[in-house]
Amino acid sequence: MTTRRQYKERVYETHLLRRSYREGGKVKNETVGNISHLPAELIEIIRRALKGETFLGSAEAFEITRSLPHGDAVAVYGQARALGLPELLGPACRERDLALALIIARVLRPASKLESGRYLADTSLGQDLAVSAADPDALYGALDWLGARQDAIERVLAGRHLTPGGLVLFDLSSSYVTGTRCPLAERGYSRDGKRGSLQITYGLITSATGCPVAVRVFPGSCSDPAAFSAALAALRERFGLTEVVLVGDRGMITSARIAEVRAHPGLSFITALRAPEIAALAHGGHLQLSLFDEVDLVELRDPARPGERLLVCRNPHLAGERSRRREDMLAATERDLAKLGAAVAAGRLKGAAAIGLRVGRVANRYKMAKHFALTIAEGHFSYARRSAHIEAEAALDGIYVIRTNVSAEQLGAAAVVAAYKRLSRVEDAFRSLKSIDLEIRPIYHRLEERVRAHAFLCLLAEYLVFHLRAAWAPLTFADEEKDAPRADAVAKAQRGDAAERKARTQRTADGALCHSFHSLLAHLATLTRNTISLPAQGGLTFEQLTLPTPLQRQAFELLGVTVPLRFT
């Protein structure tokens, strides 16, 4: 019992222990003791104990029996829900839950399917969805289920992100394959630098902003033009897009592919000329280098390419880089040729055939043979730079020519240049797919359809990463002004002021420590879901989340995500 009385300006509190009892049919009260002298916190414990609460000693209060990473899975799962990914995958079923878990695991910790199952078993998401590597057939079954739904899912993504008359970016890459039994695995031009390895090639279709929409997997020997034809067919037949502007690099949209595009009214293209074509344009008198004394972008018409526009650009920064690189490779080639000449002079290398064979390898090591006049005879070898040839090539340094049939009314010259440069967004997506973001390679699957399903799973994971990076740009080193209009479309792209400031200070605009995408995910993983046991209560257990840090709160707020205790 607590009583208060005031004397003048002071208030006196009295805390009494009292009991009630019945005597002769009447209820009476008795004061057992006065505890007013005890600390306030101890008085509060006594009051709560008398109400029936139980308090344990510090040594036996509770035990944390398990802690599972939770915050990173909540963030990626929340982004997936915000994008409608579960519904996009298909109707609710066990396979959908497993496929969604594998996609999220690919974002959190990319690995093989079995390793992903082991990893998910040690996270709150995997525990709630009962995902475990102990049942590999279920994981592979979910992958097969996802692959069978690829066309339907990509049609929805295309409807979301590709607009009639808008830009569609397409590029091709490759990744090496382990084993020798996959029908798609062939030797071809390796974009991984794994010469001689079996590989697959895959083309990525994205929106103008680089948002991934579809992926097509081809045999490892597939060429860029052949892949472009497949992408063109997918846009027209599967996605129903008959009016788009296709953007592809110079090795992909060849003259034959341009004829293919022109066969379908409404389709347009943006690509670039190859170096020999630019040289032919200059030698034919259509390209006057003096035009660039005042400007860096000139629009031309070439009678050999009717109905097309040629946007000729000159980038001084690119010119300087090419000049420096050429000189480095010329010098390196000369050093190797000098060593070879010394070997011939010393008699260690004899015979014109043997000398020619060695010279061919040395001179082409840096692809500089075209710039040297080589003299080979029995017991003799000499070389000299072809100065006129080098100067003619150097005159075109920094010049690139963009080729399009898009009308000037639809896209101005600067807009066409900017559209072609957007191909770097596809390169960013490939970089993400191949790096520690998603690790699409190496590919372990043997069955052709599972290889395709694996690439599609990685595409959906990249779809999540693309939106996560955009949402978390204020917390990371990302350039938030990347999509802002540029005054000069030809000049080298520069990072925005905010990105430069973050790189210099290592701090965000709010003064917080700036993170990379992966370090932010790692920090979110420190928000754990803990299983707590009360031994004194017969082993009673309950779950409790750690309190989020300010950074974690901000990351969740940017995604519009609340942190649930469980996923189901």
Protein backbone atom coordinates (compact mmCIF):
# COMPACT_ATOMS: atom_id res chain seq x y z
CA MET A 1 0.00 0.00 0.00
CA THR A 2 1.34 3.45 -0.95
CA THR A 3 0.19 6.63 0.77
CA ARG A 4 1.19 10.19 0.04
CA ARG A 5 0.95 13.22 2.30
CA GLN A 6 2.16 16.74 1.76
CA TYR A 7 3.70 18.92 4.38
CA LYS A 8 4.26 22.48 3.16
CA GLU A 9 5.97 22.02 -0.21
CA ARG A 10 7.29 18.49 0.31
CA VAL A 11 5.48 15.25 -0.53
CA TYR A 12 6.11 12.22 1.66
CA GLU A 13 5.44 8.70 0.33
CA THR A 14 4.94 5.72 2.58
CA HIS A 15 5.10 2.15 1.27
CA LEU A 16 3.51 -0.41 3.55
CA LEU A 17 3.13 -4.17 3.30
CA ARG A 18 -0.41 -5.01 4.33
CA ARG A 19 -2.49 -8.12 4.40
CA SER A 20 -6.22 -8.66 4.46
CA TYR A 21 -7.88 -11.39 6.55
CA ARG A 22 -11.35 -12.36 7.67
CA GLU A 23 -12.27 -12.48 11.38
CA GLY A 24 -15.75 -13.14 12.63
CA GLY A 25 -17.15 -12.64 9.19
CA LYS A 26 -15.48 -9.26 8.83
CA VAL A 27 -12.59 -8.28 6.54
CA LYS A 28 -9.74 -6.69 8.41
CA ASN A 29 -6.37 -5.22 7.29
CA GLU A 30 -3.05 -5.55 9.04
CA THR A 31 0.23 -3.72 8.36
CA VAL A 32 2.99 -6.30 8.14
CA GLY A 33 5.89 -3.94 7.59
CA ASN A 34 7.09 -0.58 6.33
CA ILE A 35 9.32 -0.81 3.24
CA SER A 36 9.56 2.91 2.52
CA HIS A 37 13.30 2.84 3.16
CA LEU A 38 13.94 0.43 0.25
CA PRO A 39 15.07 1.66 -3.24
CA ALA A 40 12.24 2.52 -5.60
CA GLU A 41 13.17 -0.22 -8.09
CA LEU A 42 13.07 -2.88 -5.36
CA ILE A 43 9.70 -1.62 -4.16
CA GLU A 44 8.42 -1.95 -7.75
CA ILE A 45 9.67 -5.56 -7.95
CA ILE A 46 7.91 -6.39 -4.67
CA ARG A 47 4.68 -4.83 -5.94
CA ARG A 48 4.83 -6.85 -9.20
CA ALA A 49 5.74 -10.06 -7.34
CA LEU A 50 2.71 -9.66 -5.11
CA LYS A 51 0.60 -9.44 -8.30
CA GLY A 52 1.85 -12.84 -9.41
CA GLU A 53 4.85 -12.05 -11.63
CA THR A 54 7.89 -14.31 -11.39
CA PHE A 55 11.48 -13.00 -11.33
CA LEU A 56 14.57 -15.07 -11.94
CA GLY A 57 18.15 -14.67 -10.82
CA SER A 58 20.63 -13.20 -13.33
CA ALA A 59 22.41 -16.52 -13.78
CA GLU A 60 19.24 -18.43 -14.62
CA ALA A 61 17.08 -15.74 -16.21
CA PHE A 62 17.19 -16.95 -19.82
CA GLU A 63 19.28 -18.60 -22.47
CA ILE A 64 19.61 -17.58 -26.14
CA THR A 65 19.48 -20.97 -27.79
CA ARG A 66 19.82 -19.75 -31.40
CA SER A 67 20.30 -16.54 -33.40
CA LEU A 68 19.42 -16.44 -37.10
CA PRO A 69 20.29 -13.67 -39.59
CA HIS A 70 17.04 -11.88 -40.26
CA GLY A 71 17.38 -8.25 -41.33
CA ASP A 72 19.00 -8.85 -44.73
CA ALA A 73 16.40 -11.46 -45.65
CA VAL A 74 13.62 -9.12 -44.51
CA ALA A 75 14.95 -6.37 -46.79
CA VAL A 76 15.23 -8.54 -49.90
CA TYR A 77 11.97 -10.36 -49.19
CA GLY A 78 10.25 -7.01 -48.61
CA GLN A 79 11.56 -5.68 -51.93
CA ALA A 80 10.33 -8.84 -53.64
CA ARG A 81 6.88 -8.33 -52.12
CA ALA A 82 6.84 -4.66 -53.13
CA LEU A 83 7.61 -5.68 -56.73
CA GLY A 84 4.89 -8.33 -56.64
CA LEU A 85 7.45 -11.05 -57.32
CA PRO A 86 5.67 -13.86 -55.43
CA GLU A 87 2.48 -13.31 -57.45
CA LEU A 88 4.54 -12.89 -60.61
CA LEU A 89 6.15 -16.29 -60.12
CA GLY A 90 2.79 -18.06 -60.03
CA PRO A 91 0.04 -19.32 -57.76
CA ALA A 92 0.88 -20.05 -54.14
CA CYS A 93 2.41 -23.49 -53.78
CA ARG A 94 5.41 -25.22 -52.29
CA GLU A 95 7.45 -24.84 -55.50
CA ARG A 96 6.81 -21.09 -55.55
CA ASP A 97 8.04 -20.67 -51.97
CA LEU A 98 11.18 -22.65 -52.72
CA ALA A 99 11.85 -20.76 -55.97
CA LEU A 100 11.40 -17.41 -54.20
CA ALA A 101 13.77 -18.55 -51.45
CA LEU A 102 16.40 -19.56 -54.03
CA ILE A 103 16.11 -16.16 -55.75
CA ILE A 104 16.55 -14.34 -52.44
CA ALA A 105 19.45 -16.61 -51.49
CA ARG A 106 21.12 -15.74 -54.82
CA VAL A 107 21.02 -12.07 -53.74
CA LEU A 108 22.16 -12.69 -50.17
CA ARG A 109 24.83 -15.34 -50.74
CA PRO A 110 25.17 -16.67 -54.29
CA ALA A 111 26.18 -20.32 -54.45
CA SER A 112 25.13 -23.64 -55.91
CA LYS A 113 21.55 -24.73 -55.30
CA LEU A 114 22.56 -27.25 -52.64
CA GLU A 115 24.79 -24.73 -50.89
CA SER A 116 21.95 -22.19 -51.04
CA GLY A 117 19.75 -24.75 -49.32
CA ARG A 118 22.32 -25.16 -46.55
CA TYR A 119 22.65 -21.40 -46.20
CA LEU A 120 18.89 -20.82 -46.07
CA ALA A 121 18.55 -23.46 -43.35
CA ASP A 122 20.64 -21.14 -41.17
CA THR A 123 18.52 -18.04 -41.82
CA SER A 124 15.10 -17.02 -40.57
CA LEU A 125 13.69 -17.04 -44.11
CA GLY A 126 14.83 -20.59 -44.80
CA GLN A 127 13.56 -21.75 -41.43
CA ASP A 128 10.11 -20.26 -41.99
CA LEU A 129 9.87 -21.67 -45.52
CA ALA A 130 11.39 -25.00 -44.43
CA VAL A 131 14.12 -24.83 -47.10
CA SER A 132 16.96 -27.24 -46.58
CA ALA A 133 19.69 -28.86 -48.67
CA ALA A 134 18.62 -32.12 -47.08
CA ASP A 135 15.95 -32.33 -49.79
CA PRO A 136 17.82 -31.60 -53.06
CA ASP A 137 15.03 -33.05 -55.18
CA ALA A 138 12.68 -30.35 -53.88
CA LEU A 139 15.18 -27.60 -54.73
CA TYR A 140 15.78 -28.91 -58.25
CA GLY A 141 12.05 -29.42 -58.66
CA ALA A 142 11.47 -25.76 -57.78
CA LEU A 143 14.13 -24.73 -60.31
CA ASP A 144 12.43 -26.81 -63.01
CA TRP A 145 9.05 -25.32 -62.04
CA LEU A 146 10.49 -21.81 -62.36
CA GLY A 147 12.06 -22.53 -65.74
CA ALA A 148 8.76 -23.78 -67.11
CA ARG A 149 7.17 -20.42 -66.24
CA GLN A 150 9.90 -18.25 -67.79
CA ASP A 151 7.94 -17.10 -70.85
CA ALA A 152 4.89 -16.09 -68.84
CA ILE A 153 6.96 -14.18 -66.28
CA GLU A 154 9.04 -12.38 -68.90
CA ARG A 155 5.91 -11.29 -70.75
CA VAL A 156 4.70 -9.57 -67.58
CA LEU A 157 8.09 -7.93 -67.00
CA ALA A 158 8.17 -6.73 -70.62
CA GLY A 159 4.70 -5.25 -70.18
CA ARG A 160 5.90 -3.41 -67.07
CA HIS A 161 9.17 -1.99 -68.34
CA LEU A 162 9.19 -1.95 -72.15
CA THR A 163 6.98 0.64 -73.81
CA PRO A 164 5.91 0.85 -77.47
CA GLY A 165 8.24 3.21 -79.30
CA GLY A 166 10.74 3.15 -76.43
CA LEU A 167 14.32 1.95 -76.20
CA VAL A 168 15.20 -1.71 -75.74
CA LEU A 169 18.81 -2.57 -74.89
CA PHE A 170 20.35 -5.91 -75.81
CA ASP A 171 23.82 -7.34 -75.34
CA LEU A 172 25.50 -10.73 -75.20
CA SER A 173 27.91 -12.30 -72.76
CA SER A 174 29.24 -15.75 -71.89
CA SER A 175 30.13 -17.82 -68.84
CA TYR A 176 32.14 -21.00 -68.47
CA VAL A 177 30.59 -24.35 -67.64
CA THR A 178 31.97 -27.14 -65.47
CA GLY A 179 31.76 -30.66 -66.84
CA THR A 180 31.44 -31.82 -70.42
CA ARG A 181 27.92 -33.21 -70.71
CA CYS A 182 25.79 -30.09 -71.09
CA PRO A 183 24.46 -29.86 -74.69
CA LEU A 184 24.77 -26.06 -74.63
CA ALA A 185 28.41 -26.10 -73.56
CA GLU A 186 30.65 -25.34 -76.54
CA ARG A 187 33.89 -23.54 -77.22
CA GLY A 188 33.60 -20.04 -78.57
CA TYR A 189 34.70 -16.46 -78.06
CA SER A 190 35.05 -16.16 -74.28
CA ARG A 191 34.01 -12.89 -72.69
CA ASP A 192 35.28 -14.28 -69.38
CA GLY A 193 38.85 -14.55 -70.62
CA LYS A 194 38.63 -18.36 -70.24
CA ARG A 195 40.04 -19.34 -73.62
CA GLY A 196 39.53 -22.96 -74.54
CA SER A 197 36.88 -23.54 -71.85
CA LEU A 198 33.42 -24.83 -72.57
CA GLN A 199 30.89 -22.07 -72.16
CA ILE A 200 27.36 -20.90 -72.76
CA THR A 201 26.37 -17.51 -74.15
CA TYR A 202 23.36 -15.55 -72.98
CA GLY A 203 21.71 -12.35 -74.12
CA LEU A 204 20.12 -9.85 -71.78
CA ILE A 205 17.16 -7.66 -72.72
CA THR A 206 16.70 -4.59 -70.55
CA SER A 207 14.73 -1.38 -70.47
CA ALA A 208 16.34 1.97 -71.26
CA THR A 209 17.27 2.33 -67.59
CA GLY A 210 18.99 -1.08 -67.52
CA CYS A 211 16.18 -2.90 -65.69
CA PRO A 212 16.51 -6.58 -66.68
CA VAL A 213 13.46 -7.99 -68.44
CA ALA A 214 14.45 -11.21 -70.20
CA VAL A 215 17.38 -13.55 -70.78
CA ARG A 216 18.06 -15.90 -73.67
CA VAL A 217 20.59 -18.73 -73.39
CA PHE A 218 22.49 -19.97 -76.47
CA PRO A 219 25.22 -22.52 -77.21
CA GLY A 220 28.72 -21.34 -76.39
CA SER A 221 29.64 -20.81 -80.04
CA CYS A 222 26.66 -18.54 -80.80
CA SER A 223 27.60 -15.27 -82.50
CA ASP A 224 26.36 -11.81 -81.55
CA PRO A 225 24.26 -11.35 -84.74
CA ALA A 226 22.53 -14.72 -84.30
CA ALA A 227 21.68 -13.85 -80.70
CA PHE A 228 20.30 -10.49 -81.83
CA SER A 229 17.95 -12.26 -84.25
CA ALA A 230 16.63 -14.37 -81.38
CA ALA A 231 16.09 -11.26 -79.26
CA LEU A 232 14.27 -9.58 -82.13
CA ALA A 233 11.96 -12.59 -82.47
CA ALA A 234 11.29 -12.58 -78.71
CA LEU A 235 10.30 -8.90 -78.75
CA ARG A 236 7.91 -9.35 -81.66
CA GLU A 237 6.44 -12.80 -81.10
CA ARG A 238 6.56 -13.32 -77.33
CA PHE A 239 6.22 -9.78 -76.02
CA GLY A 240 4.06 -8.40 -78.82
CA LEU A 241 6.21 -5.27 -79.28
CA THR A 242 6.11 -4.08 -82.87
CA GLU A 243 7.29 -0.48 -82.33
CA VAL A 244 10.56 -0.26 -80.41
CA VAL A 245 14.06 1.10 -80.91
CA LEU A 246 16.63 -1.68 -80.53
CA VAL A 247 20.03 -0.61 -79.23
CA GLY A 248 22.98 -2.95 -79.75
CA ASP A 249 26.73 -2.72 -80.17
CA ARG A 250 28.60 -2.61 -83.48
CA GLY A 251 29.42 -6.31 -83.51
CA MET A 252 25.81 -7.31 -83.04
CA ILE A 253 23.65 -5.21 -85.35
CA THR A 254 25.37 -5.99 -88.64
CA SER A 255 24.11 -5.07 -92.11
CA ALA A 256 22.26 -8.39 -92.33
CA ARG A 257 20.57 -7.75 -88.99
CA ILE A 258 19.65 -4.22 -90.08
CA ALA A 259 17.92 -5.70 -93.12
CA GLU A 260 16.06 -7.99 -90.75
CA VAL A 261 14.93 -5.05 -88.63
CA ARG A 262 13.80 -3.11 -91.69
CA ALA A 263 11.64 -6.03 -92.76
CA HIS A 264 9.34 -5.15 -89.84
CA PRO A 265 7.89 -1.63 -90.08
CA GLY A 266 7.83 0.05 -86.69
CA LEU A 267 11.14 -1.42 -85.54
CA SER A 268 14.18 0.84 -85.49
CA PHE A 269 17.81 0.40 -84.48
CA ILE A 270 20.72 2.30 -82.97
CA THR A 271 24.21 0.87 -83.35
CA ALA A 272 27.70 2.02 -84.33
CA LEU A 273 30.12 1.59 -87.21
CA ARG A 274 33.20 -0.58 -86.88
CA ALA A 275 36.68 0.92 -87.17
CA PRO A 276 37.22 -0.20 -90.81
CA GLU A 277 33.87 1.34 -91.76
CA ILE A 278 34.85 4.63 -90.11
CA ALA A 279 38.17 4.60 -91.97
CA ALA A 280 36.35 3.94 -95.26
CA LEU A 281 34.00 6.82 -94.52
CA ALA A 282 36.97 9.14 -93.97
CA HIS A 283 38.86 7.92 -97.05
CA GLY A 284 35.75 8.31 -99.17
CA GLY A 285 35.59 11.99 -98.33
CA HIS A 286 32.30 11.82 -96.44
CA LEU A 287 33.98 12.50 -93.10
CA GLN A 288 35.93 15.76 -92.87
CA LEU A 289 38.04 15.87 -89.71
CA SER A 290 38.11 19.67 -89.84
CA LEU A 291 34.42 19.60 -88.85
CA PHE A 292 35.52 18.88 -85.29
CA ASP A 293 37.51 22.07 -84.85
CA GLU A 294 34.46 23.74 -83.31
CA VAL A 295 32.02 20.96 -82.38
CA ASP A 296 32.19 17.37 -81.13
CA LEU A 297 29.03 16.04 -82.81
CA VAL A 298 28.19 16.15 -86.51
CA GLU A 299 25.29 14.50 -88.34
CA LEU A 300 25.99 13.12 -91.81
CA ARG A 301 24.20 11.25 -94.55
CA ASP A 302 25.91 8.50 -96.53
CA PRO A 303 24.51 7.59 -99.98
CA ALA A 304 25.57 4.00 -99.32
CA ARG A 305 23.21 3.89 -96.33
CA PRO A 306 19.92 5.36 -97.53
CA GLY A 307 17.33 6.23 -94.90
CA GLU A 308 19.94 6.30 -92.15
CA ARG A 309 21.58 8.99 -90.06
CA LEU A 310 25.26 8.90 -89.08
CA LEU A 311 26.13 10.73 -85.87
CA VAL A 312 29.87 11.35 -85.87
CA CYS A 313 31.30 12.06 -82.42
CA ARG A 314 34.77 13.02 -81.26
CA ASN A 315 35.73 12.58 -77.62
CA PRO A 316 39.12 14.19 -76.77
CA HIS A 317 39.45 12.09 -73.62
CA LEU A 318 38.93 8.90 -75.61
CA ALA A 319 41.41 10.15 -78.24
CA GLY A 320 44.08 10.63 -75.59
CA GLU A 321 43.46 7.19 -74.10
CA ARG A 322 43.69 5.46 -77.49
CA SER A 323 46.87 7.33 -78.40
CA ARG A 324 48.50 6.40 -75.10
CA ARG A 325 47.42 2.77 -75.38
CA ARG A 326 48.66 2.48 -78.97
CA GLU A 327 52.05 3.89 -78.05
CA ASP A 328 52.33 1.48 -75.10
CA MET A 329 51.54 -1.51 -77.31
CA LEU A 330 53.88 -0.33 -80.08
CA ALA A 331 56.70 0.01 -77.56
CA ALA A 332 55.97 -3.41 -76.06
CA THR A 333 55.92 -4.98 -79.54
CA GLU A 334 59.22 -3.28 -80.44
CA ARG A 335 60.86 -4.68 -77.32
CA ASP A 336 59.75 -8.19 -78.24
CA LEU A 337 60.85 -7.75 -81.87
CA ALA A 338 64.23 -6.44 -80.72
CA LYS A 339 64.75 -9.58 -78.62
CA LEU A 340 63.79 -11.67 -81.61
CA GLY A 341 66.20 -9.73 -83.84
CA ALA A 342 68.99 -10.32 -81.34
CA ALA A 343 68.27 -14.07 -81.36
CA VAL A 344 68.45 -14.13 -85.18
CA ALA A 345 71.67 -12.10 -85.23
CA ALA A 346 73.25 -14.44 -82.68
CA GLY A 347 72.32 -17.47 -84.75
CA ARG A 348 69.98 -18.92 -82.12
CA LEU A 349 67.09 -18.74 -84.59
CA LYS A 350 67.71 -19.85 -88.16
CA GLY A 351 65.66 -20.41 -91.29
CA ALA A 352 63.21 -17.99 -92.85
CA ALA A 353 60.24 -20.22 -92.06
CA ALA A 354 61.15 -20.53 -88.39
CA ILE A 355 61.84 -16.81 -88.12
CA GLY A 356 58.54 -15.96 -89.82
CA LEU A 357 56.60 -18.23 -87.52
CA ARG A 358 58.12 -16.63 -84.43
CA VAL A 359 57.69 -13.13 -85.82
CA GLY A 360 54.01 -13.78 -86.49
CA ARG A 361 53.42 -14.72 -82.88
CA VAL A 362 55.41 -11.80 -81.46
CA ALA A 363 54.07 -9.10 -83.77
CA ASN A 364 50.44 -10.14 -83.21
CA ARG A 365 50.71 -10.48 -79.44
CA TYR A 366 49.33 -6.94 -79.04
CA LYS A 367 47.69 -6.82 -82.50
CA MET A 368 50.30 -4.36 -83.74
CA ALA A 369 51.62 -6.27 -86.76
CA LYS A 370 49.72 -3.94 -89.10
CA HIS A 371 51.88 -1.03 -87.90
CA PHE A 372 55.27 -2.64 -88.69
CA ALA A 373 57.13 -3.31 -91.93
CA LEU A 374 58.81 -6.67 -91.40
CA THR A 375 61.71 -8.05 -93.44
CA ILE A 376 62.42 -11.76 -93.09
CA ALA A 377 65.11 -13.71 -94.89
CA GLU A 378 67.44 -16.63 -94.28
CA GLY A 379 69.38 -15.66 -91.14
CA HIS A 380 68.03 -12.09 -91.25
CA PHE A 381 65.21 -10.18 -89.60
CA SER A 382 64.52 -6.43 -89.39
CA TYR A 383 61.52 -4.24 -88.65
CA ALA A 384 60.44 -0.62 -88.80
CA ARG A 385 57.35 1.32 -87.85
CA ARG A 386 54.95 2.23 -90.65
CA SER A 387 54.68 5.87 -89.62
CA ALA A 388 52.20 6.92 -92.29
CA HIS A 389 49.90 4.01 -91.40
CA ILE A 390 50.10 4.88 -87.70
CA GLU A 391 49.38 8.56 -88.34
CA ALA A 392 46.36 7.70 -90.48
CA GLU A 393 44.90 5.59 -87.70
CA ALA A 394 45.77 8.21 -85.06
CA ALA A 395 43.85 10.84 -87.03
CA LEU A 396 40.67 8.95 -86.21
CA ASP A 397 41.42 8.57 -82.50
CA GLY A 398 38.45 9.46 -80.34
CA ILE A 399 36.03 9.34 -83.27
CA TYR A 400 33.08 6.98 -83.23
CA VAL A 401 30.06 6.94 -85.52
CA ILE A 402 26.58 5.99 -84.40
CA ARG A 403 24.25 4.59 -87.04
CA THR A 404 20.45 4.73 -86.81
CA ASN A 405 17.28 4.86 -88.85
CA VAL A 406 15.35 6.69 -86.13
CA SER A 407 14.01 9.96 -87.48
CA ALA A 408 15.29 13.30 -86.19
CA GLU A 409 11.74 14.13 -85.09
CA GLN A 410 11.69 11.09 -82.85
CA LEU A 411 15.22 11.46 -81.42
CA GLY A 412 17.62 14.34 -81.88
CA ALA A 413 21.32 13.80 -82.50
CA ALA A 414 22.31 14.17 -78.84
CA ALA A 415 19.48 11.86 -77.75
CA VAL A 416 20.66 9.15 -80.17
CA VAL A 417 24.19 9.38 -78.75
CA ALA A 418 22.84 9.18 -75.21
CA ALA A 419 20.69 6.18 -76.18
CA TYR A 420 23.69 4.27 -77.56
CA LYS A 421 25.71 5.02 -74.44
CA ARG A 422 22.94 3.44 -72.38
CA LEU A 423 24.36 0.08 -73.43
CA SER A 424 26.66 0.57 -70.44
CA ARG A 425 23.59 -0.24 -68.30
CA VAL A 426 23.50 -3.74 -69.78
CA GLU A 427 27.21 -4.03 -69.09
CA ASP A 428 26.47 -3.04 -65.49
CA ALA A 429 23.89 -5.85 -65.31
CA PHE A 430 26.40 -8.37 -66.72
CA ARG A 431 28.97 -7.16 -64.23
CA SER A 432 26.48 -7.69 -61.42
CA LEU A 433 25.55 -11.15 -62.71
CA LYS A 434 29.18 -12.25 -62.91
CA SER A 435 30.56 -10.58 -59.79
CA ILE A 436 30.01 -11.36 -56.12
CA ASP A 437 26.53 -9.87 -56.53
CA LEU A 438 25.08 -13.03 -58.10
CA GLU A 439 27.92 -15.24 -59.38
CA ILE A 440 26.11 -16.77 -62.35
CA ARG A 441 29.34 -18.63 -63.11
CA PRO A 442 30.65 -21.27 -62.99
CA ILE A 443 27.62 -23.22 -64.18
CA TYR A 444 27.35 -26.68 -62.65
CA HIS A 445 24.13 -27.92 -64.26
CA ARG A 446 24.20 -30.64 -66.89
CA LEU A 447 20.65 -30.58 -68.26
CA GLU A 448 19.94 -27.95 -70.92
CA GLU A 449 16.64 -26.80 -69.39
CA ARG A 450 18.23 -26.45 -65.96
CA VAL A 451 20.98 -24.28 -67.41
CA ARG A 452 18.29 -22.05 -68.89
CA ALA A 453 16.38 -22.06 -65.60
CA HIS A 454 19.57 -21.16 -63.72
CA ALA A 455 20.15 -18.15 -65.98
CA PHE A 456 16.52 -17.10 -65.51
CA LEU A 457 16.79 -17.42 -61.73
CA CYS A 458 19.86 -15.17 -61.86
CA LEU A 459 17.92 -12.69 -64.01
CA LEU A 460 15.17 -12.46 -61.38
CA ALA A 461 17.79 -12.00 -58.67
CA GLU A 462 19.33 -9.19 -60.74
CA TYR A 463 15.84 -7.70 -61.04
CA LEU A 464 15.76 -7.49 -57.23
CA VAL A 465 19.32 -6.14 -57.02
CA PHE A 466 18.53 -3.45 -59.60
CA HIS A 467 15.65 -2.10 -57.50
CA LEU A 468 17.48 -2.53 -54.19
CA ARG A 469 20.43 -0.51 -55.45
CA ALA A 470 18.11 2.24 -56.65
CA ALA A 471 16.27 2.39 -53.31
CA TRP A 472 19.45 2.37 -51.23
CA ALA A 473 21.36 4.87 -53.37
CA PRO A 474 21.30 7.54 -50.58
CA LEU A 475 23.07 5.09 -48.21
CA THR A 476 25.68 3.79 -50.66
CA PHE A 477 28.33 5.16 -52.99
CA ALA A 478 25.89 4.94 -55.93
CA ASP A 479 25.59 7.95 -58.22
CA GLU A 480 22.07 9.27 -57.62
CA GLU A 481 22.42 11.66 -60.58
CA LYS A 482 23.31 8.97 -63.11
CA ASP A 483 20.06 9.36 -65.03
CA ALA A 484 20.10 13.15 -65.00
CA PRO A 485 20.23 14.82 -68.46
CA ARG A 486 23.76 15.76 -69.56
CA ALA A 487 24.71 19.00 -71.27
CA ASP A 488 27.21 17.21 -73.53
CA ALA A 489 26.22 13.72 -74.67
CA VAL A 490 29.60 13.07 -76.34
CA ALA A 491 31.94 13.96 -73.49
CA LYS A 492 33.05 11.37 -70.98
CA ALA A 493 30.43 10.71 -68.32
CA GLN A 494 31.25 12.26 -64.96
CA ARG A 495 29.98 11.27 -61.54
CA GLY A 496 27.50 13.65 -59.96
CA ASP A 497 28.54 16.08 -57.24
CA ALA A 498 26.79 14.04 -54.55
CA ALA A 499 28.60 10.84 -55.58
CA GLU A 500 31.95 12.66 -55.65
CA ARG A 501 31.28 14.01 -52.18
CA LYS A 502 30.38 10.56 -50.84
CA ALA A 503 33.54 9.08 -52.36
CA ARG A 504 35.69 11.84 -50.90
CA THR A 505 34.21 11.97 -47.39
CA GLN A 506 33.03 8.34 -47.09
CA ARG A 507 29.84 9.84 -45.64
CA THR A 508 26.26 10.15 -46.80
CA ALA A 509 24.41 13.45 -47.09
CA ASP A 510 23.19 12.87 -43.49
CA GLY A 511 26.73 12.43 -42.22
CA ALA A 512 26.39 8.68 -41.68
CA LEU A 513 29.06 6.20 -42.75
CA CYS A 514 28.62 5.39 -46.46
CA HIS A 515 28.27 1.73 -47.42
CA SER A 516 28.64 -0.46 -50.45
CA PHE A 517 25.69 -2.59 -51.46
CA HIS A 518 27.26 -5.69 -49.92
CA SER A 519 28.41 -4.08 -46.69
CA LEU A 520 24.89 -2.72 -46.20
CA LEU A 521 23.43 -6.21 -46.64
CA ALA A 522 26.01 -7.54 -44.16
CA HIS A 523 25.03 -4.86 -41.65
CA LEU A 524 21.35 -5.71 -42.05
CA ALA A 525 22.17 -9.36 -41.33
CA THR A 526 23.28 -8.35 -37.81
CA LEU A 527 19.60 -7.80 -37.01
CA THR A 528 18.92 -11.32 -35.79
CA ARG A 529 15.92 -13.34 -34.68
CA ASN A 530 16.77 -14.93 -31.36
CA THR A 531 15.16 -17.98 -29.78
CA ILE A 532 15.12 -17.47 -26.02
CA SER A 533 14.57 -20.23 -23.46
CA LEU A 534 13.45 -19.83 -19.82
CA PRO A 535 14.85 -22.82 -17.92
CA ALA A 536 13.06 -21.93 -14.70
CA GLN A 537 9.76 -21.98 -16.56
CA GLY A 538 10.07 -25.54 -17.75
CA GLY A 539 12.02 -24.68 -20.89
CA LEU A 540 9.43 -22.19 -22.17
CA THR A 541 10.75 -20.52 -25.36
CA PHE A 542 9.87 -17.42 -27.33
CA GLU A 543 11.39 -15.41 -30.21
CA GLN A 544 12.73 -11.89 -29.98
CA LEU A 545 14.32 -9.58 -32.59
CA THR A 546 17.33 -7.44 -31.84
CA LEU A 547 16.61 -3.72 -31.92
CA PRO A 548 17.43 -2.23 -35.35
CA THR A 549 20.24 0.31 -35.59
CA PRO A 550 19.51 3.77 -37.03
CA LEU A 551 21.07 2.69 -40.34
CA GLN A 552 18.95 -0.45 -40.44
CA ARG A 553 15.82 1.60 -39.72
CA GLN A 554 16.68 3.95 -42.57
CA ALA A 555 17.33 1.08 -44.98
CA PHE A 556 13.95 -0.47 -44.17
CA GLU A 557 12.20 2.90 -44.47
CA LEU A 558 13.67 3.45 -47.96
CA LEU A 559 12.13 0.12 -48.98
CA GLY A 560 8.86 0.81 -47.20
CA VAL A 561 9.36 -2.41 -45.23
CA THR A 562 8.31 -3.24 -41.68
CA VAL A 563 10.28 -5.94 -39.89
CA PRO A 564 8.12 -9.00 -39.23
CA LEU A 565 9.02 -11.59 -36.63
CA ARG A 566 8.28 -14.39 -39.08
CA PHE A 567 7.85 -14.66 -42.86
CA THR A 568 4.79 -16.89 -42.70
